[in-house]
PDB file of N, CA and C in Angstrom:
ATOM      1  N   MET A   1       6.022  14.464   2.542  1.00  0.00           N
ATOM      2  CA  MET A   1       5.773  13.077   2.972  1.00  0.00           C
ATOM      3  C   MET A   1       7.072  12.268   2.054  1.00  0.00           C
ATOM      4  N   ARG A   2       7.744  11.511   3.163  1.00  0.00           N
ATOM      5  CA  ARG A   2       8.910  10.782   2.508  1.00  0.00           C
ATOM      6  C   ARG A   2       8.471   9.397   1.643  1.00  0.00           C
ATOM      7  N   ARG A   3       9.114   9.139   0.756  1.00  0.00           N
ATOM      8  CA  ARG A   3       8.820   7.997   0.041  1.00  0.00           C
ATOM      9  C   ARG A   3       9.845   6.913   0.250  1.00  0.00           C
ATOM     10  N   LEU A   4       9.498   5.622   0.450  1.00  0.00           N
ATOM     11  CA  LEU A   4      10.199   4.605   0.194  1.00  0.00           C
ATOM     12  C   LEU A   4      10.240   3.841  -0.743  1.00  0.00           C
ATOM     13  N   ASP A   5      11.176   3.149  -1.393  1.00  0.00           N
ATOM     14  CA  ASP A   5      11.010   2.071  -2.237  1.00  0.00           C
ATOM     15  C   ASP A   5      10.993   0.725  -1.354  1.00  0.00           C
ATOM     16  N   PRO A   6      10.526  -0.320  -2.211  1.00  0.00           N
ATOM     17  CA  PRO A   6      10.027  -1.426  -1.266  1.00  0.00           C
ATOM     18  C   PRO A   6      11.480  -2.192  -0.642  1.00  0.00           C
ATOM     19  N   THR A   7      12.649  -1.802  -1.230  1.00  0.00           N
ATOM     20  CA  THR A   7      14.060  -2.447  -0.777  1.00  0.00           C
ATOM     21  C   THR A   7      14.204  -1.908   0.540  1.00  0.00           C
ATOM     22  N   ASP A   8      14.324  -0.640   0.485  1.00  0.00           N
ATOM     23  CA  ASP A   8      14.364   0.335   1.723  1.00  0.00           C
ATOM     24  C   ASP A   8      13.438   0.035   2.639  1.00  0.00           C
ATOM     25  N   ALA A   9      12.085   0.115   2.260  1.00  0.00           N
ATOM     26  CA  ALA A   9      11.186  -0.323   3.293  1.00  0.00           C
ATOM     27  C   ALA A   9      11.310  -1.878   3.937  1.00  0.00           C
ATOM     28  N   HIS A  10      11.698  -2.658   3.206  1.00  0.00           N
ATOM     29  CA  HIS A  10      11.874  -3.940   3.798  1.00  0.00           C
ATOM     30  C   HIS A  10      13.144  -4.247   4.754  1.00  0.00           C
ATOM     31  N   ALA A  11      14.178  -3.689   4.537  1.00  0.00           N
ATOM     32  CA  ALA A  11      15.376  -3.445   5.264  1.00  0.00           C
ATOM     33  C   ALA A  11      15.101  -2.926   6.651  1.00  0.00           C
ATOM     34  N   SER A  12      14.355  -1.540   6.578  1.00  0.00           N
ATOM     35  CA  SER A  12      14.020  -1.268   7.762  1.00  0.00           C
ATOM     36  C   SER A  12      12.840  -1.995   8.700  1.00  0.00           C
ATOM     37  N   TRP A  13      12.106  -2.432   7.864  1.00  0.00           N
ATOM     38  CA  TRP A  13      10.801  -2.965   8.592  1.00  0.00           C
ATOM     39  C   TRP A  13      11.487  -4.565   9.174  1.00  0.00           C
ATOM     40  N   ALA A  14      12.526  -5.046   8.393  1.00  0.00           N
ATOM     41  CA  ALA A  14      13.028  -6.569   8.707  1.00  0.00           C
ATOM     42  C   ALA A  14      14.158  -6.246   9.978  1.00  0.00           C
ATOM     43  N   ALA A  15      14.775  -4.878  10.427  1.00  0.00           N
ATOM     44  CA  ALA A  15      15.376  -4.587  11.270  1.00  0.00           C
ATOM     45  C   ALA A  15      14.812  -3.886  12.493  1.00  0.00           C
ATOM     46  N   GLY A  16      13.140  -3.892  12.196  1.00  0.00           N
ATOM     47  CA  GLY A  16      12.553  -3.561  13.623  1.00  0.00           C
ATOM     48  C   GLY A  16      12.715  -2.292  13.798  1.00  0.00           C
ATOM     49  N   GLU A  17      13.265  -1.413  12.610  1.00  0.00           N
ATOM     50  CA  GLU A  17      13.392   0.245  12.505  1.00  0.00           C
ATOM     51  C   GLU A  17      12.186   0.845  12.101  1.00  0.00           C
ATOM     52  N   LEU A  18      11.033   0.159  11.319  1.00  0.00           N
ATOM     53  CA  LEU A  18      10.095   0.517  10.842  1.00  0.00           C
ATOM     54  C   LEU A  18       8.693  -0.141  11.166  1.00  0.00           C
ATOM     55  N   ARG A  19       7.604   0.733  11.271  1.00  0.00           N
ATOM     56  CA  ARG A  19       6.431   0.037  10.987  1.00  0.00           C
ATOM     57  C   ARG A  19       5.630   0.382   9.964  1.00  0.00           C
ATOM     58  N   ILE A  20       5.083  -1.089   9.601  1.00  0.00           N
ATOM     59  CA  ILE A  20       4.243  -0.757   8.087  1.00  0.00           C
ATOM     60  C   ILE A  20       2.742  -1.092   8.205  1.00  0.00           C
ATOM     61  N   ILE A  21       1.878  -0.091   8.016  1.00  0.00           N
ATOM     62  CA  ILE A  21       0.381  -0.063   7.861  1.00  0.00           C
ATOM     63  C   ILE A  21       0.184  -0.368   6.595  1.00  0.00           C
ATOM     64  N   ASP A  22      -0.864  -1.658   6.542  1.00  0.00           N
ATOM     65  CA  ASP A  22      -1.599  -2.036   5.143  1.00  0.00           C
ATOM     66  C   ASP A  22      -2.823  -1.117   5.257  1.00  0.00           C
ATOM     67  N   CYS A  23      -3.065  -0.191   4.078  1.00  0.00           N
ATOM     68  CA  CYS A  23      -4.341   0.556   4.164  1.00  0.00           C
ATOM     69  C   CYS A  23      -5.421   0.202   3.172  1.00  0.00           C
ATOM     70  N   ARG A  24      -4.918  -1.267   2.734  1.00  0.00           N
ATOM     71  CA  ARG A  24      -6.099  -1.832   1.296  1.00  0.00           C
ATOM     72  C   ARG A  24      -7.261  -2.313   2.296  1.00  0.00           C
ATOM     73  N   GLU A  25      -8.199  -2.361   1.378  1.00  0.00           N
ATOM     74  CA  GLU A  25      -9.526  -3.110   2.189  1.00  0.00           C
ATOM     75  C   GLU A  25      -9.383  -4.599   2.404  1.00  0.00           C
ATOM     76  N   GLN A  26     -10.091  -5.275   3.411  1.00  0.00           N
ATOM     77  CA  GLN A  26     -10.133  -6.402   3.945  1.00  0.00           C
ATOM     78  C   GLN A  26      -9.962  -7.600   2.757  1.00  0.00           C
ATOM     79  N   ASP A  27     -10.755  -7.238   1.566  1.00  0.00           N
ATOM     80  CA  ASP A  27     -11.199  -8.158   0.379  1.00  0.00           C
ATOM     81  C   ASP A  27      -9.495  -8.340  -0.120  1.00  0.00           C
ATOM     82  N   GLU A  28      -8.903  -7.198  -0.239  1.00  0.00           N
ATOM     83  CA  GLU A  28      -7.433  -7.097  -0.769  1.00  0.00           C
ATOM     84  C   GLU A  28      -6.769  -7.676  -0.065  1.00  0.00           C
ATOM     85  N   HIS A  29      -6.668  -7.577   1.095  1.00  0.00           N
ATOM     86  CA  HIS A  29      -5.654  -8.450   2.309  1.00  0.00           C
ATOM     87  C   HIS A  29      -5.972  -9.841   2.253  1.00  0.00           C
ATOM     88  N   ASP A  30      -7.274 -10.022   1.959  1.00  0.00           N
ATOM     89  CA  ASP A  30      -7.381 -11.386   1.924  1.00  0.00           C
ATOM     90  C   ASP A  30      -6.634 -12.386   0.891  1.00  0.00           C
ATOM     91  N   VAL A  31      -6.676 -11.456  -0.225  1.00  0.00           N
ATOM     92  CA  VAL A  31      -6.151 -12.027  -1.391  1.00  0.00           C
ATOM     93  C   VAL A  31      -4.536 -12.120  -1.383  1.00  0.00           C
ATOM     94  N   ALA A  32      -3.628 -11.164  -0.773  1.00  0.00           N
ATOM     95  CA  ALA A  32      -2.300 -11.220  -0.589  1.00  0.00           C
ATOM     96  C   ALA A  32      -2.113 -10.016   0.555  1.00  0.00           C
ATOM     97  N   ARG A  33      -1.328 -10.621   1.578  1.00  0.00           N
ATOM     98  CA  ARG A  33      -0.536  -9.843   2.752  1.00  0.00           C
ATOM     99  C   ARG A  33       0.745 -10.093   3.067  1.00  0.00           C
ATOM    100  N   ILE A  34       1.107  -9.078   3.625  1.00  0.00           N
ATOM    101  CA  ILE A  34       2.491  -9.284   4.117  1.00  0.00           C
ATOM    102  C   ILE A  34       2.403  -9.444   5.875  1.00  0.00           C
ATOM    103  N   ASP A  35       3.005 -10.691   6.247  1.00  0.00           N
ATOM    104  CA  ASP A  35       2.609 -11.247   7.570  1.00  0.00           C
ATOM    105  C   ASP A  35       3.441 -10.227   8.500  1.00  0.00           C
ATOM    106  N   GLY A  36       2.581 -10.044   9.431  1.00  0.00           N
ATOM    107  CA  GLY A  36       3.320  -9.145  10.627  1.00  0.00           C
ATOM    108  C   GLY A  36       3.029  -7.752  10.358  1.00  0.00           C
ATOM    109  N   VAL A  37       2.034  -7.398   9.009  1.00  0.00           N
ATOM    110  CA  VAL A  37       1.973  -5.940   8.863  1.00  0.00           C
ATOM    111  C   VAL A  37       0.039  -5.716   9.281  1.00  0.00           C
ATOM    112  N   ALA A  38       0.221  -4.713   9.862  1.00  0.00           N
ATOM    113  CA  ALA A  38      -1.068  -4.193  10.638  1.00  0.00           C
ATOM    114  C   ALA A  38      -1.765  -3.804   9.577  1.00  0.00           C
ATOM    115  N   LEU A  39      -3.327  -4.786   9.243  1.00  0.00           N
ATOM    116  CA  LEU A  39      -4.215  -3.973   8.065  1.00  0.00           C
ATOM    117  C   LEU A  39      -5.108  -2.643   8.983  1.00  0.00           C
ATOM    118  N   ILE A  40      -5.158  -1.577   8.395  1.00  0.00           N
ATOM    119  CA  ILE A  40      -6.234  -0.550   8.905  1.00  0.00           C
ATOM    120  C   ILE A  40      -6.339   0.112   7.223  1.00  0.00           C
ATOM    121  N   PRO A  41      -7.731  -0.372   7.153  1.00  0.00           N
ATOM    122  CA  PRO A  41      -8.279   0.195   5.665  1.00  0.00           C
ATOM    123  C   PRO A  41      -8.502   1.443   5.336  1.00  0.00           C
ATOM    124  N   MET A  42      -8.046   2.126   4.584  1.00  0.00           N
ATOM    125  CA  MET A  42      -8.391   3.648   4.397  1.00  0.00           C
ATOM    126  C   MET A  42      -9.734   3.897   4.941  1.00  0.00           C
ATOM    127  N   SER A  43     -10.518   3.384   4.657  1.00  0.00           N
ATOM    128  CA  SER A  43     -12.187   3.521   4.935  1.00  0.00           C
ATOM    129  C   SER A  43     -12.326   3.433   6.098  1.00  0.00           C
ATOM    130  N   GLU A  44     -11.569   3.046   7.136  1.00  0.00           N
ATOM    131  CA  GLU A  44     -11.423   2.856   8.561  1.00  0.00           C
ATOM    132  C   GLU A  44     -10.439   3.820   9.352  1.00  0.00           C
ATOM    133  N   LEU A  45      -9.744   4.405   8.666  1.00  0.00           N
ATOM    134  CA  LEU A  45      -8.673   5.185   9.619  1.00  0.00           C
ATOM    135  C   LEU A  45      -8.928   6.168  10.375  1.00  0.00           C
ATOM    136  N   ALA A  46      -9.918   6.812  10.000  1.00  0.00           N
ATOM    137  CA  ALA A  46     -10.184   8.023  11.036  1.00  0.00           C
ATOM    138  C   ALA A  46     -10.938   7.398  12.246  1.00  0.00           C
ATOM    139  N   GLY A  47     -11.504   6.173  12.402  1.00  0.00           N
ATOM    140  CA  GLY A  47     -11.904   5.782  13.690  1.00  0.00           C
ATOM    141  C   GLY A  47     -10.964   4.890  14.289  1.00  0.00           C
ATOM    142  N   ARG A  48      -9.680   4.534  13.614  1.00  0.00           N
ATOM    143  CA  ARG A  48      -8.893   3.797  14.292  1.00  0.00           C
ATOM    144  C   ARG A  48      -7.399   4.269  14.507  1.00  0.00           C
ATOM    145  N   VAL A  49      -7.250   5.699  13.983  1.00  0.00           N
ATOM    146  CA  VAL A  49      -5.743   5.973  13.747  1.00  0.00           C
ATOM    147  C   VAL A  49      -5.167   5.800  15.559  1.00  0.00           C
ATOM    148  N   ASP A  50      -5.961   5.610  16.150  1.00  0.00           N
ATOM    149  CA  ASP A  50      -5.374   5.873  17.881  1.00  0.00           C
ATOM    150  C   ASP A  50      -4.869   4.375  18.023  1.00  0.00           C
ATOM    151  N   GLU A  51      -5.133   3.377  16.940  1.00  0.00           N
ATOM    152  CA  GLU A  51      -4.463   1.777  17.309  1.00  0.00           C
ATOM    153  C   GLU A  51      -2.935   2.044  16.410  1.00  0.00           C
ATOM    154  N   ILE A  52      -2.555   3.196  16.054  1.00  0.00           N
ATOM    155  CA  ILE A  52      -1.408   2.993  15.327  1.00  0.00           C
ATOM    156  C   ILE A  52      -0.293   3.295  16.467  1.00  0.00           C
ATOM    157  N   PRO A  53       0.588   2.864  16.792  1.00  0.00           N
ATOM    158  CA  PRO A  53       1.526   3.148  17.715  1.00  0.00           C
ATOM    159  C   PRO A  53       2.631   4.248  17.155  1.00  0.00           C
ATOM    160  N   ASP A  54       3.150   5.327  17.847  1.00  0.00           N
ATOM    161  CA  ASP A  54       3.987   6.259  17.452  1.00  0.00           C
ATOM    162  C   ASP A  54       5.326   6.068  17.875  1.00  0.00           C
ATOM    163  N   ASP A  55       5.947   4.860  18.162  1.00  0.00           N
ATOM    164  CA  ASP A  55       7.114   4.798  19.034  1.00  0.00           C
ATOM    165  C   ASP A  55       8.069   4.320  17.470  1.00  0.00           C
ATOM    166  N   LEU A  56       7.858   4.081  16.582  1.00  0.00           N
ATOM    167  CA  LEU A  56       8.694   3.863  15.212  1.00  0.00           C
ATOM    168  C   LEU A  56       8.284   4.610  14.038  1.00  0.00           C
ATOM    169  N   PRO A  57       9.238   4.808  13.195  1.00  0.00           N
ATOM    170  CA  PRO A  57       9.059   5.584  11.906  1.00  0.00           C
ATOM    171  C   PRO A  57       7.812   4.781  11.220  1.00  0.00           C
ATOM    172  N   LEU A  58       6.901   5.253  10.465  1.00  0.00           N
ATOM    173  CA  LEU A  58       5.801   4.659   9.759  1.00  0.00           C
ATOM    174  C   LEU A  58       5.807   4.505   8.686  1.00  0.00           C
ATOM    175  N   ALA A  59       5.211   3.464   7.677  1.00  0.00           N
ATOM    176  CA  ALA A  59       5.191   3.618   6.407  1.00  0.00           C
ATOM    177  C   ALA A  59       4.038   2.861   6.092  1.00  0.00           C
ATOM    178  N   VAL A  60       3.240   3.512   4.913  1.00  0.00           N
ATOM    179  CA  VAL A  60       2.013   3.052   4.792  1.00  0.00           C
ATOM    180  C   VAL A  60       2.117   2.418   3.342  1.00  0.00           C
ATOM    181  N   ILE A  61       1.477   1.018   3.169  1.00  0.00           N
ATOM    182  CA  ILE A  61       1.406   0.538   1.945  1.00  0.00           C
ATOM    183  C   ILE A  61       0.242   0.168   1.330  1.00  0.00           C
ATOM    184  N   CYS A  62      -0.126   0.108  -0.214  1.00  0.00           N
ATOM    185  CA  CYS A  62      -1.338  -0.368  -0.517  1.00  0.00           C
ATOM    186  C   CYS A  62      -1.218  -0.962  -1.397  1.00  0.00           C
ATOM    187  N   ARG A  63      -2.279  -1.352  -2.693  1.00  0.00           N
ATOM    188  CA  ARG A  63      -1.828  -1.974  -3.915  1.00  0.00           C
ATOM    189  C   ARG A  63      -1.138  -1.538  -4.647  1.00  0.00           C
ATOM    190  N   SER A  64      -0.766  -0.306  -4.846  1.00  0.00           N
ATOM    191  CA  SER A  64       0.221   0.079  -6.195  1.00  0.00           C
ATOM    192  C   SER A  64       0.781   1.608  -5.493  1.00  0.00           C
ATOM    193  N   GLY A  65       0.337   2.166  -4.192  1.00  0.00           N
ATOM    194  CA  GLY A  65       1.329   3.634  -3.611  1.00  0.00           C
ATOM    195  C   GLY A  65       0.213   4.796  -3.900  1.00  0.00           C
ATOM    196  N   ALA A  66      -0.780   4.640  -4.510  1.00  0.00           N
ATOM    197  CA  ALA A  66      -1.831   5.890  -4.525  1.00  0.00           C
ATOM    198  C   ALA A  66      -2.495   6.094  -3.332  1.00  0.00           C
ATOM    199  N   ARG A  67      -3.254   5.254  -2.948  1.00  0.00           N
ATOM    200  CA  ARG A  67      -3.945   5.400  -1.498  1.00  0.00           C
ATOM    201  C   ARG A  67      -3.244   5.176  -0.369  1.00  0.00           C
ATOM    202  N   SER A  68      -1.957   4.492  -0.323  1.00  0.00           N
ATOM    203  CA  SER A  68      -1.132   4.942   0.685  1.00  0.00           C
ATOM    204  C   SER A  68      -0.139   6.187   0.680  1.00  0.00           C
ATOM    205  N   ALA A  69      -0.335   6.779  -0.016  1.00  0.00           N
ATOM    206  CA  ALA A  69       0.232   8.171  -0.134  1.00  0.00           C
ATOM    207  C   ALA A  69      -0.599   9.371   0.530  1.00  0.00           C
ATOM    208  N   ARG A  70      -2.222   9.042  -0.084  1.00  0.00           N
ATOM    209  CA  ARG A  70      -3.070   9.712   0.707  1.00  0.00           C
ATOM    210  C   ARG A  70      -3.189   9.530   2.246  1.00  0.00           C
ATOM    211  N   VAL A  71      -2.985   8.214   2.377  1.00  0.00           N
ATOM    212  CA  VAL A  71      -3.393   7.942   3.902  1.00  0.00           C
ATOM    213  C   VAL A  71      -1.847   8.479   4.719  1.00  0.00           C
ATOM    214  N   ALA A  72      -0.766   7.877   4.052  1.00  0.00           N
ATOM    215  CA  ALA A  72       0.514   9.051   4.777  1.00  0.00           C
ATOM    216  C   ALA A  72       0.398  10.397   4.823  1.00  0.00           C
ATOM    217  N   SER A  73      -0.251  10.994   3.941  1.00  0.00           N
ATOM    218  CA  SER A  73      -0.380  12.482   3.956  1.00  0.00           C
ATOM    219  C   SER A  73      -1.274  12.850   5.286  1.00  0.00           C
ATOM    220  N   ALA A  74      -2.405  12.033   5.184  1.00  0.00           N
ATOM    221  CA  ALA A  74      -3.508  12.420   6.442  1.00  0.00           C
ATOM    222  C   ALA A  74      -2.821  11.765   7.803  1.00  0.00           C
ATOM    223  N   LEU A  75      -1.834  10.964   8.163  1.00  0.00           N
ATOM    224  CA  LEU A  75      -1.359  10.688   9.027  1.00  0.00           C
ATOM    225  C   LEU A  75      -0.223  11.794   9.444  1.00  0.00           C
ATOM    226  N   THR A  76       0.293  12.114   8.524  1.00  0.00           N
ATOM    227  CA  THR A  76       1.568  13.434   8.792  1.00  0.00           C
ATOM    228  C   THR A  76       0.559  14.589   9.351  1.00  0.00           C
ATOM    229  N   GLY A  77      -0.647  14.838   8.564  1.00  0.00           N
ATOM    230  CA  GLY A  77      -1.381  16.125   9.069  1.00  0.00           C
ATOM    231  C   GLY A  77      -2.087  15.885  10.435  1.00  0.00           C
ATOM    232  N   THR A  78      -2.188  14.624  11.187  1.00  0.00           N
ATOM    233  CA  THR A  78      -2.374  14.751  12.561  1.00  0.00           C
ATOM    234  C   THR A  78      -1.381  15.236  13.451  1.00  0.00           C
ATOM    235  N   GLY A  79      -0.225  15.437  13.056  1.00  0.00           N
ATOM    236  CA  GLY A  79       0.768  15.879  14.303  1.00  0.00           C
ATOM    237  C   GLY A  79       1.287  14.802  15.157  1.00  0.00           C
ATOM    238  N   ARG A  80       0.624  13.726  15.217  1.00  0.00           N
ATOM    239  CA  ARG A  80       1.217  12.754  15.973  1.00  0.00           C
ATOM    240  C   ARG A  80       2.232  11.820  15.686  1.00  0.00           C
ATOM    241  N   PHE A  81       2.345  11.745  14.287  1.00  0.00           N
ATOM    242  CA  PHE A  81       3.259  10.910  13.754  1.00  0.00           C
ATOM    243  C   PHE A  81       4.451  11.565  13.039  1.00  0.00           C
ATOM    244  N   GLY A  82       5.794  11.363  13.527  1.00  0.00           N
ATOM    245  CA  GLY A  82       6.653  12.209  13.281  1.00  0.00           C
ATOM    246  C   GLY A  82       7.501  11.874  12.016  1.00  0.00           C
ATOM    247  N   ASP A  83       7.656  10.894  11.569  1.00  0.00           N
ATOM    248  CA  ASP A  83       7.827  10.135  10.358  1.00  0.00           C
ATOM    249  C   ASP A  83       7.149   9.274   9.519  1.00  0.00           C
ATOM    250  N   VAL A  84       6.463   9.688   8.424  1.00  0.00           N
ATOM    251  CA  VAL A  84       5.528   8.854   7.731  1.00  0.00           C
ATOM    252  C   VAL A  84       5.914   8.983   6.403  1.00  0.00           C
ATOM    253  N   ALA A  85       5.992   7.823   5.748  1.00  0.00           N
ATOM    254  CA  ALA A  85       6.550   7.416   4.700  1.00  0.00           C
ATOM    255  C   ALA A  85       5.417   6.676   3.517  1.00  0.00           C
ATOM    256  N   ASN A  86       5.592   6.542   2.213  1.00  0.00           N
ATOM    257  CA  ASN A  86       4.766   6.013   1.654  1.00  0.00           C
ATOM    258  C   ASN A  86       5.854   5.043   0.517  1.00  0.00           C
ATOM    259  N   VAL A  87       5.208   3.571   0.695  1.00  0.00           N
ATOM    260  CA  VAL A  87       6.053   2.798   0.171  1.00  0.00           C
ATOM    261  C   VAL A  87       5.485   2.884  -1.541  1.00  0.00           C
ATOM    262  N   GLU A  88       6.287   3.090  -2.084  1.00  0.00           N
ATOM    263  CA  GLU A  88       6.130   3.427  -3.819  1.00  0.00           C
ATOM    264  C   GLU A  88       6.010   2.235  -4.282  1.00  0.00           C
ATOM    265  N   GLY A  89       4.847   2.229  -5.297  1.00  0.00           N
ATOM    266  CA  GLY A  89       4.627   0.651  -5.923  1.00  0.00           C
ATOM    267  C   GLY A  89       3.837  -0.164  -5.032  1.00  0.00           C
ATOM    268  N   GLY A  90       3.443  -0.231  -3.873  1.00  0.00           N
ATOM    269  CA  GLY A  90       2.506  -0.778  -3.143  1.00  0.00           C
ATOM    270  C   GLY A  90       2.904  -2.390  -3.063  1.00  0.00           C
ATOM    271  N   ILE A  91       2.131  -3.380  -2.383  1.00  0.00           N
ATOM    272  CA  ILE A  91       2.315  -4.543  -2.532  1.00  0.00           C
ATOM    273  C   ILE A  91       2.789  -5.140  -3.908  1.00  0.00           C
ATOM    274  N   ILE A  92       2.395  -4.631  -4.724  1.00  0.00           N
ATOM    275  CA  ILE A  92       2.782  -5.038  -6.296  1.00  0.00           C
ATOM    276  C   ILE A  92       4.305  -4.923  -6.206  1.00  0.00           C
ATOM    277  N   ALA A  93       4.752  -3.683  -5.974  1.00  0.00           N
ATOM    278  CA  ALA A  93       6.611  -3.501  -6.091  1.00  0.00           C
ATOM    279  C   ALA A  93       6.994  -4.815  -5.079  1.00  0.00           C
ATOM    280  N   TRP A  94       6.296  -4.469  -3.863  1.00  0.00           N
ATOM    281  CA  TRP A  94       6.892  -5.278  -3.028  1.00  0.00           C
ATOM    282  C   TRP A  94       7.383  -6.921  -3.538  1.00  0.00           C
ATOM    283  N   ALA A  95       6.077  -7.351  -4.185  1.00  0.00           N
ATOM    284  CA  ALA A  95       6.071  -8.805  -4.671  1.00  0.00           C
ATOM    285  C   ALA A  95       7.047  -8.839  -5.799  1.00  0.00           C
ATOM    286  N   GLU A  96       6.943  -7.884  -6.543  1.00  0.00           N
ATOM    287  CA  GLU A  96       8.164  -7.764  -7.779  1.00  0.00           C
ATOM    288  C   GLU A  96       9.449  -7.874  -7.491  1.00  0.00           C
ATOM    289  N   ASP A  97       9.778  -7.240  -6.381  1.00  0.00           N
ATOM    290  CA  ASP A  97      11.079  -7.096  -5.819  1.00  0.00           C
ATOM    291  C   ASP A  97      11.640  -8.232  -4.969  1.00  0.00           C
ATOM    292  N   GLY A  98      10.424  -9.535  -4.743  1.00  0.00           N
ATOM    293  CA  GLY A  98      10.797 -10.707  -4.370  1.00  0.00           C
ATOM    294  C   GLY A  98      10.742 -10.666  -2.836  1.00  0.00           C
ATOM    295  N   PHE A  99      10.205  -9.792  -2.135  1.00  0.00           N
ATOM    296  CA  PHE A  99       9.772  -9.852  -0.642  1.00  0.00           C
ATOM    297  C   PHE A  99       8.722 -10.652  -0.287  1.00  0.00           C
ATOM    298  N   PRO A 100       8.561 -11.122   0.646  1.00  0.00           N
ATOM    299  CA  PRO A 100       7.808 -11.916   1.164  1.00  0.00           C
ATOM    300  C   PRO A 100       6.351 -11.595   1.317  1.00  0.00           C
ATOM    301  N   TYR A 101       5.481 -12.503   0.998  1.00  0.00           N
ATOM    302  CA  TYR A 101       4.142 -12.053   1.252  1.00  0.00           C
ATOM    303  C   TYR A 101       3.265 -13.337   1.211  1.00  0.00           C
ATOM    304  N   GLU A 102       1.863 -13.463   1.807  1.00  0.00           N
ATOM    305  CA  GLU A 102       1.387 -14.366   1.839  1.00  0.00           C
ATOM    306  C   GLU A 102      -0.101 -14.416   1.133  1.00  0.00           C
ATOM    307  N   GLY A 103      -0.032 -15.523   0.224  1.00  0.00           N
ATOM    308  CA  GLY A 103      -1.612 -15.684  -0.678  1.00  0.00           C
ATOM    309  C   GLY A 103      -1.030 -15.453  -1.959  1.00  0.00           C
ATOM    310  N   ASP A 104      -2.068 -15.163  -2.820  1.00  0.00           N
ATOM    311  CA  ASP A 104      -2.102 -15.111  -4.297  1.00  0.00           C
ATOM    312  C   ASP A 104      -0.960 -13.786  -4.707  1.00  0.00           C
ATOM    313  N   GLU A 105      -0.624 -13.830  -5.951  1.00  0.00           N
ATOM    314  CA  GLU A 105      -0.028 -12.974  -6.268  1.00  0.00           C
ATOM    315  C   GLU A 105      -0.955 -11.681  -6.413  1.00  0.00           C
ATOM    316  N   PRO A 106      -0.351 -10.353  -5.805  1.00  0.00           N
ATOM    317  CA  PRO A 106      -1.021  -9.175  -5.746  1.00  0.00           C
ATOM    318  C   PRO A 106      -1.185  -8.697  -7.262  1.00  0.00           C
ATOM    319  N   THR A 107      -2.380  -8.173  -7.507  1.00  0.00           N
ATOM    320  CA  THR A 107      -2.468  -7.510  -8.982  1.00  0.00           C
ATOM    321  C   THR A 107      -3.396  -6.389  -8.658  1.00  0.00           C
TER     322      THR A 107
END
């Protein structure tokens, strides 16, 4: 599985070259979220994987990078997605690097 730092993830996403999926739970998403990033909680992934388009490379983000690594691995294992990456450091690193998000500071 490929790993992306927040800078590379943001640049590719902002250029329309990458789709990002947030795998945190709804209560975490309610606190802090990235506008335009789809929420598919890890707990719902098995039943919702068909909702994820496969037209662009995919990156998965969570709070700090651990859950998203597991989800990225699971998505890679489906054989449906050709390029899946994990956003290292999650939304915490995204926010620390100064990229836009809505809500309170992620912790």
